[in-house]
Amino acid sequence: MDLKPPPATSIRVPTPGRESFSPAAIEEIRRSRRHPRRTDYLYLHLRYVVEDLGRVLADVRALDVLDVYCGARPYEDLLPDGARCIGLDVDDAYGSADVVSDRFLPFEDSSFDLVLCTQAFYFIPRPAEAVAEIARVLRPAGTVVMTFPVAYPGTARLYSEEELRELFAGWNDLSIVASGGTAVSWAMLSGYLLRQLEKRLPRPARFLRVVFPVCYLGVNAVGSILDLVECRYLQHADRLPANLLLRATRPLG
């Protein structure tokens, strides 16, 4: 697909300047995102993302799909049958992008039936303008599906449900699903802390890395039990979801 000439108000996103990932690393990223294991440090968080994405995308009818900041494109098999997917990213570190650009959505108007953006919208500096750009590249009655981390360290912008409803005010069929509750957030943050410790082990202590999968397994086991308790007995308690999943339809006209 050809790039659209940049408009005067083109949104630009900083390029991270990452080194290319090895083929083995890319396959592991795809596997962990799409088929997380209980020994993965983000197992519960990723499991909810996959399940909720699969449920929402199963109800979408689309031929031309744009995967915004596609990364390793782990969720492509969840797209509608027969869909043609274009992957956009700011670099080609994963070797998976069809279009590489620091401009946000450099495509012609009404190019896509579905815009997908998972765990990446927080990179965009001007979200209201970005939502307008999503509407521009969608065909009438086209669908946007996005996921947003709610509590993840190092994330530049965290969106609440109220903020997302304001950003997508005027869109049709807007739904926002809390993807995992407080127990999942606890397991995600506990796993994250353990992973940071694992990555920073001094060289003489590298042999201790063999215990970390067991630690992740334990965190995920406790988190799964707490998640069951939360879902069954604490449905009306305040929750801190790990993610929000948004689906909306572009207004006609």
Protein backbone atom coordinates (compact mmCIF):
# COMPACT_ATOMS: atom_id res chain seq x y z
CA MET A 1 0.00 0.00 0.00
CA ASP A 2 1.31 3.44 -0.95
CA LEU A 3 1.94 6.06 1.69
CA LYS A 4 -0.28 9.12 1.70
CA PRO A 5 1.55 12.46 1.32
CA PRO A 6 1.99 13.84 4.86
CA PRO A 7 -0.70 16.36 5.85
CA ALA A 8 0.31 19.61 7.51
CA THR A 9 -0.87 18.30 10.89
CA SER A 10 0.83 14.92 10.58
CA ILE A 11 1.35 13.23 13.94
CA ARG A 12 4.89 11.99 14.40
CA VAL A 13 5.98 9.37 16.91
CA PRO A 14 9.55 9.05 18.26
CA THR A 15 11.50 6.22 16.68
CA PRO A 16 12.94 3.96 19.41
CA GLY A 17 16.12 3.04 17.52
CA ARG A 18 16.01 -0.62 18.56
CA GLU A 19 18.34 -3.28 17.25
CA SER A 20 16.72 -6.01 15.20
CA PHE A 21 15.45 -9.00 17.15
CA SER A 22 16.76 -12.43 16.24
CA PRO A 23 14.35 -14.86 14.54
CA ALA A 24 14.32 -16.98 17.70
CA ALA A 25 13.47 -13.97 19.86
CA ILE A 26 10.66 -12.95 17.51
CA GLU A 27 9.15 -16.42 17.58
CA GLU A 28 9.32 -16.47 21.37
CA ILE A 29 7.59 -13.08 21.56
CA ARG A 30 4.85 -14.31 19.24
CA ARG A 31 4.45 -17.51 21.24
CA SER A 32 4.32 -15.77 24.62
CA ARG A 33 1.80 -13.15 23.45
CA ARG A 34 -0.49 -15.58 21.65
CA HIS A 35 -0.05 -18.74 23.74
CA PRO A 36 1.22 -17.65 27.19
CA ARG A 37 2.43 -20.36 29.55
CA ARG A 38 2.00 -20.44 33.30
CA THR A 39 5.77 -20.07 33.62
CA ASP A 40 5.69 -16.76 31.68
CA TYR A 41 5.97 -13.78 33.98
CA LEU A 42 2.95 -12.04 32.38
CA TYR A 43 0.82 -15.17 31.94
CA LEU A 44 -2.48 -14.01 33.46
CA HIS A 45 -2.30 -10.56 31.88
CA LEU A 46 -1.57 -12.00 28.42
CA ARG A 47 -4.17 -14.73 28.75
CA TYR A 48 -6.89 -12.18 29.36
CA VAL A 49 -5.71 -10.03 26.45
CA VAL A 50 -5.83 -13.03 24.08
CA GLU A 51 -9.22 -14.25 25.29
CA ASP A 52 -10.85 -10.84 25.12
CA LEU A 53 -9.33 -10.01 21.73
CA GLY A 54 -10.46 -13.34 20.33
CA ARG A 55 -13.99 -12.79 21.60
CA VAL A 56 -14.26 -9.29 20.12
CA LEU A 57 -12.56 -10.00 16.79
CA ALA A 58 -14.73 -13.07 16.20
CA ASP A 59 -17.67 -10.70 15.77
CA VAL A 60 -15.95 -8.29 13.34
CA ARG A 61 -16.42 -8.47 9.58
CA ALA A 62 -13.46 -6.95 7.75
CA LEU A 63 -11.51 -7.44 4.55
CA ASP A 64 -8.79 -4.78 4.86
CA VAL A 65 -7.16 -4.54 8.29
CA LEU A 66 -4.51 -2.17 9.65
CA ASP A 67 -2.41 -3.39 12.60
CA VAL A 68 -1.02 -0.20 14.16
CA TYR A 69 2.43 -0.63 15.75
CA CYS A 70 2.19 -4.26 14.84
CA GLY A 71 5.39 -5.47 16.54
CA ALA A 72 5.74 -9.22 15.95
CA ARG A 73 2.06 -9.45 14.81
CA PRO A 74 1.13 -12.16 17.32
CA TYR A 75 -2.65 -11.81 16.98
CA GLU A 76 -2.99 -12.02 13.21
CA ASP A 77 -4.61 -15.45 13.34
CA LEU A 78 -7.48 -13.92 15.35
CA LEU A 79 -8.45 -11.65 12.46
CA PRO A 80 -11.52 -12.43 10.32
CA ASP A 81 -11.10 -15.19 7.74
CA GLY A 82 -9.82 -13.86 4.44
CA ALA A 83 -8.71 -10.52 5.89
CA ARG A 84 -5.77 -8.71 4.30
CA CYS A 85 -3.62 -7.20 7.04
CA ILE A 86 -1.17 -4.29 6.71
CA GLY A 87 1.30 -3.96 9.59
CA LEU A 88 2.49 -0.44 10.47
CA ASP A 89 5.39 0.25 12.80
CA VAL A 90 7.96 2.94 13.56
CA ASP A 91 10.85 0.60 12.81
CA ASP A 92 11.32 -2.93 11.48
CA ALA A 93 13.05 -4.40 14.53
CA TYR A 94 10.68 -7.38 14.37
CA GLY A 95 10.99 -7.81 10.60
CA SER A 96 7.19 -7.91 10.39
CA ALA A 97 6.09 -4.43 9.31
CA ASP A 98 4.72 -3.81 5.82
CA VAL A 99 5.00 -0.04 6.29
CA VAL A 100 7.67 1.64 8.44
CA SER A 101 7.07 5.30 9.24
CA ASP A 102 7.25 7.73 12.14
CA ARG A 103 4.06 9.33 10.80
CA PHE A 104 0.84 8.08 12.33
CA LEU A 105 -1.43 6.38 9.78
CA PRO A 106 0.19 7.56 6.51
CA PHE A 107 -2.61 6.06 4.40
CA GLU A 108 -5.37 7.25 2.12
CA ASP A 109 -8.81 8.07 3.47
CA SER A 110 -11.24 5.15 3.91
CA SER A 111 -8.58 2.48 3.36
CA PHE A 112 -9.55 -0.06 6.04
CA ASP A 113 -12.51 -1.91 7.52
CA LEU A 114 -10.73 -2.58 10.81
CA VAL A 115 -7.98 -0.77 12.71
CA LEU A 116 -6.31 -2.86 15.43
CA CYS A 117 -3.91 -1.40 18.00
CA THR A 118 -2.77 -3.54 20.94
CA GLN A 119 -0.80 -2.17 23.89
CA ALA A 120 0.72 0.70 21.90
CA PHE A 121 -1.62 3.72 21.75
CA TYR A 122 0.21 5.28 24.70
CA PHE A 123 3.15 6.07 22.38
CA ILE A 124 1.08 8.64 20.48
CA PRO A 125 1.62 12.20 21.72
CA ARG A 126 -1.73 13.75 20.65
CA PRO A 127 -4.45 11.16 21.27
CA ALA A 128 -7.47 13.25 20.19
CA GLU A 129 -5.88 13.92 16.81
CA ALA A 130 -4.90 10.26 16.57
CA VAL A 131 -8.51 9.14 17.09
CA ALA A 132 -9.55 11.53 14.30
CA GLU A 133 -6.89 9.94 12.07
CA ILE A 134 -8.25 6.48 12.85
CA ALA A 135 -11.69 7.67 11.79
CA ARG A 136 -10.19 9.12 8.59
CA VAL A 137 -8.57 5.87 7.44
CA LEU A 138 -11.60 3.74 8.36
CA ARG A 139 -14.36 3.16 5.88
CA PRO A 140 -17.90 4.18 6.88
CA ALA A 141 -19.07 1.86 9.69
CA GLY A 142 -15.51 0.51 10.02
CA THR A 143 -14.37 -0.84 13.39
CA VAL A 144 -11.54 0.03 15.73
CA VAL A 145 -10.31 -2.46 18.35
CA MET A 146 -7.68 -1.36 20.86
CA THR A 147 -6.19 -2.58 24.12
CA PHE A 148 -4.73 -0.33 26.79
CA PRO A 149 -2.60 -1.21 29.84
CA VAL A 150 -4.04 0.32 33.00
CA ALA A 151 -1.22 -0.25 35.47
CA TYR A 152 2.09 -1.14 33.90
CA PRO A 153 5.44 0.42 34.91
CA GLY A 154 7.11 2.65 32.36
CA THR A 155 3.98 3.27 30.30
CA ALA A 156 4.03 6.88 29.11
CA ARG A 157 0.24 7.43 29.16
CA LEU A 158 -2.34 5.43 31.05
CA TYR A 159 -5.99 5.82 30.08
CA SER A 160 -9.01 5.40 32.29
CA GLU A 161 -12.36 4.24 30.96
CA GLU A 162 -13.72 7.77 31.33
CA GLU A 163 -10.87 9.23 29.26
CA LEU A 164 -11.41 6.67 26.52
CA ARG A 165 -15.12 7.43 26.41
CA GLU A 166 -14.29 11.12 25.98
CA LEU A 167 -11.78 10.37 23.20
CA PHE A 168 -14.31 8.25 21.30
CA ALA A 169 -17.37 10.39 22.00
CA GLY A 170 -19.60 10.35 18.93
CA TRP A 171 -18.51 6.89 17.77
CA ASN A 172 -21.15 4.18 17.50
CA ASP A 173 -21.42 0.90 19.41
CA LEU A 174 -18.69 1.96 21.84
CA SER A 175 -17.84 -0.76 24.37
CA ILE A 176 -15.00 -0.88 26.88
CA VAL A 177 -14.24 -4.13 28.67
CA ALA A 178 -12.12 -4.44 31.81
CA SER A 179 -9.64 -7.16 30.86
CA GLY A 180 -8.68 -8.84 34.11
CA GLY A 181 -9.29 -7.44 37.59
CA THR A 182 -7.23 -6.60 40.66
CA ALA A 183 -5.92 -10.16 41.06
CA VAL A 184 -4.61 -10.15 37.48
CA SER A 185 -3.00 -6.74 38.05
CA TRP A 186 -1.35 -8.06 41.22
CA ALA A 187 0.05 -11.07 39.36
CA MET A 188 1.19 -8.88 36.46
CA LEU A 189 3.05 -6.43 38.70
CA SER A 190 4.54 -9.20 40.86
CA GLY A 191 5.76 -10.99 37.75
CA TYR A 192 7.14 -7.74 36.37
CA LEU A 193 9.16 -7.09 39.54
CA LEU A 194 10.56 -10.63 39.53
CA ARG A 195 11.45 -10.29 35.84
CA GLN A 196 13.34 -7.05 36.49
CA LEU A 197 15.27 -8.79 39.25
CA GLU A 198 16.04 -11.73 36.97
CA LYS A 199 17.36 -9.42 34.24
CA ARG A 200 19.63 -7.61 36.68
CA LEU A 201 21.27 -10.60 38.33
CA PRO A 202 25.05 -10.11 38.51
CA ARG A 203 27.07 -12.53 36.44
CA PRO A 204 28.16 -14.73 39.40
CA ALA A 205 24.51 -15.24 40.33
CA ARG A 206 23.22 -16.09 36.86
CA PHE A 207 22.75 -19.71 37.91
CA LEU A 208 19.80 -18.52 40.02
CA ARG A 209 17.81 -17.87 36.85
CA VAL A 210 16.61 -21.47 36.88
CA VAL A 211 14.40 -20.69 39.90
CA PHE A 212 12.54 -17.81 38.26
CA PRO A 213 10.17 -19.92 36.11
CA VAL A 214 9.12 -21.62 39.35
CA CYS A 215 8.55 -18.20 40.92
CA TYR A 216 6.45 -17.10 37.94
CA LEU A 217 4.48 -20.34 38.15
CA GLY A 218 3.78 -19.68 41.84
CA VAL A 219 2.72 -16.07 41.24
CA ASN A 220 0.40 -17.13 38.43
CA ALA A 221 -1.08 -19.95 40.48
CA VAL A 222 -1.87 -17.62 43.39
CA GLY A 223 -3.13 -14.96 40.97
CA SER A 224 -5.43 -17.48 39.26
CA ILE A 225 -6.96 -18.50 42.60
CA LEU A 226 -7.44 -14.87 43.64
CA ASP A 227 -8.94 -14.13 40.23
CA LEU A 228 -11.51 -16.89 40.70
CA VAL A 229 -12.37 -15.54 44.16
CA GLU A 230 -12.64 -12.01 42.81
CA CYS A 231 -14.88 -13.02 39.91
CA ARG A 232 -17.18 -15.10 42.11
CA TYR A 233 -17.40 -13.17 45.37
CA LEU A 234 -16.16 -9.62 44.71
CA GLN A 235 -18.05 -8.68 41.57
CA HIS A 236 -19.26 -5.41 43.07
CA ALA A 237 -15.99 -4.37 44.72
CA ASP A 238 -13.79 -1.68 43.20
CA ARG A 239 -11.30 -3.23 40.78
CA LEU A 240 -7.99 -2.27 39.20
CA PRO A 241 -8.09 -3.99 35.79
CA ALA A 242 -4.85 -4.96 34.11
CA ASN A 243 -6.11 -3.76 30.72
CA LEU A 244 -9.01 -2.13 28.96
CA LEU A 245 -10.26 -3.37 25.60
CA LEU A 246 -12.14 -0.88 23.43
CA ARG A 247 -14.30 -1.52 20.40
CA ALA A 248 -16.14 1.17 18.47
CA THR A 249 -17.67 1.79 15.05
CA ARG A 250 -16.89 4.85 12.98
CA PRO A 251 -19.94 7.09 12.68
CA LEU A 252 -21.55 7.27 9.25
CA GLY A 253 -21.08 10.47 7.30
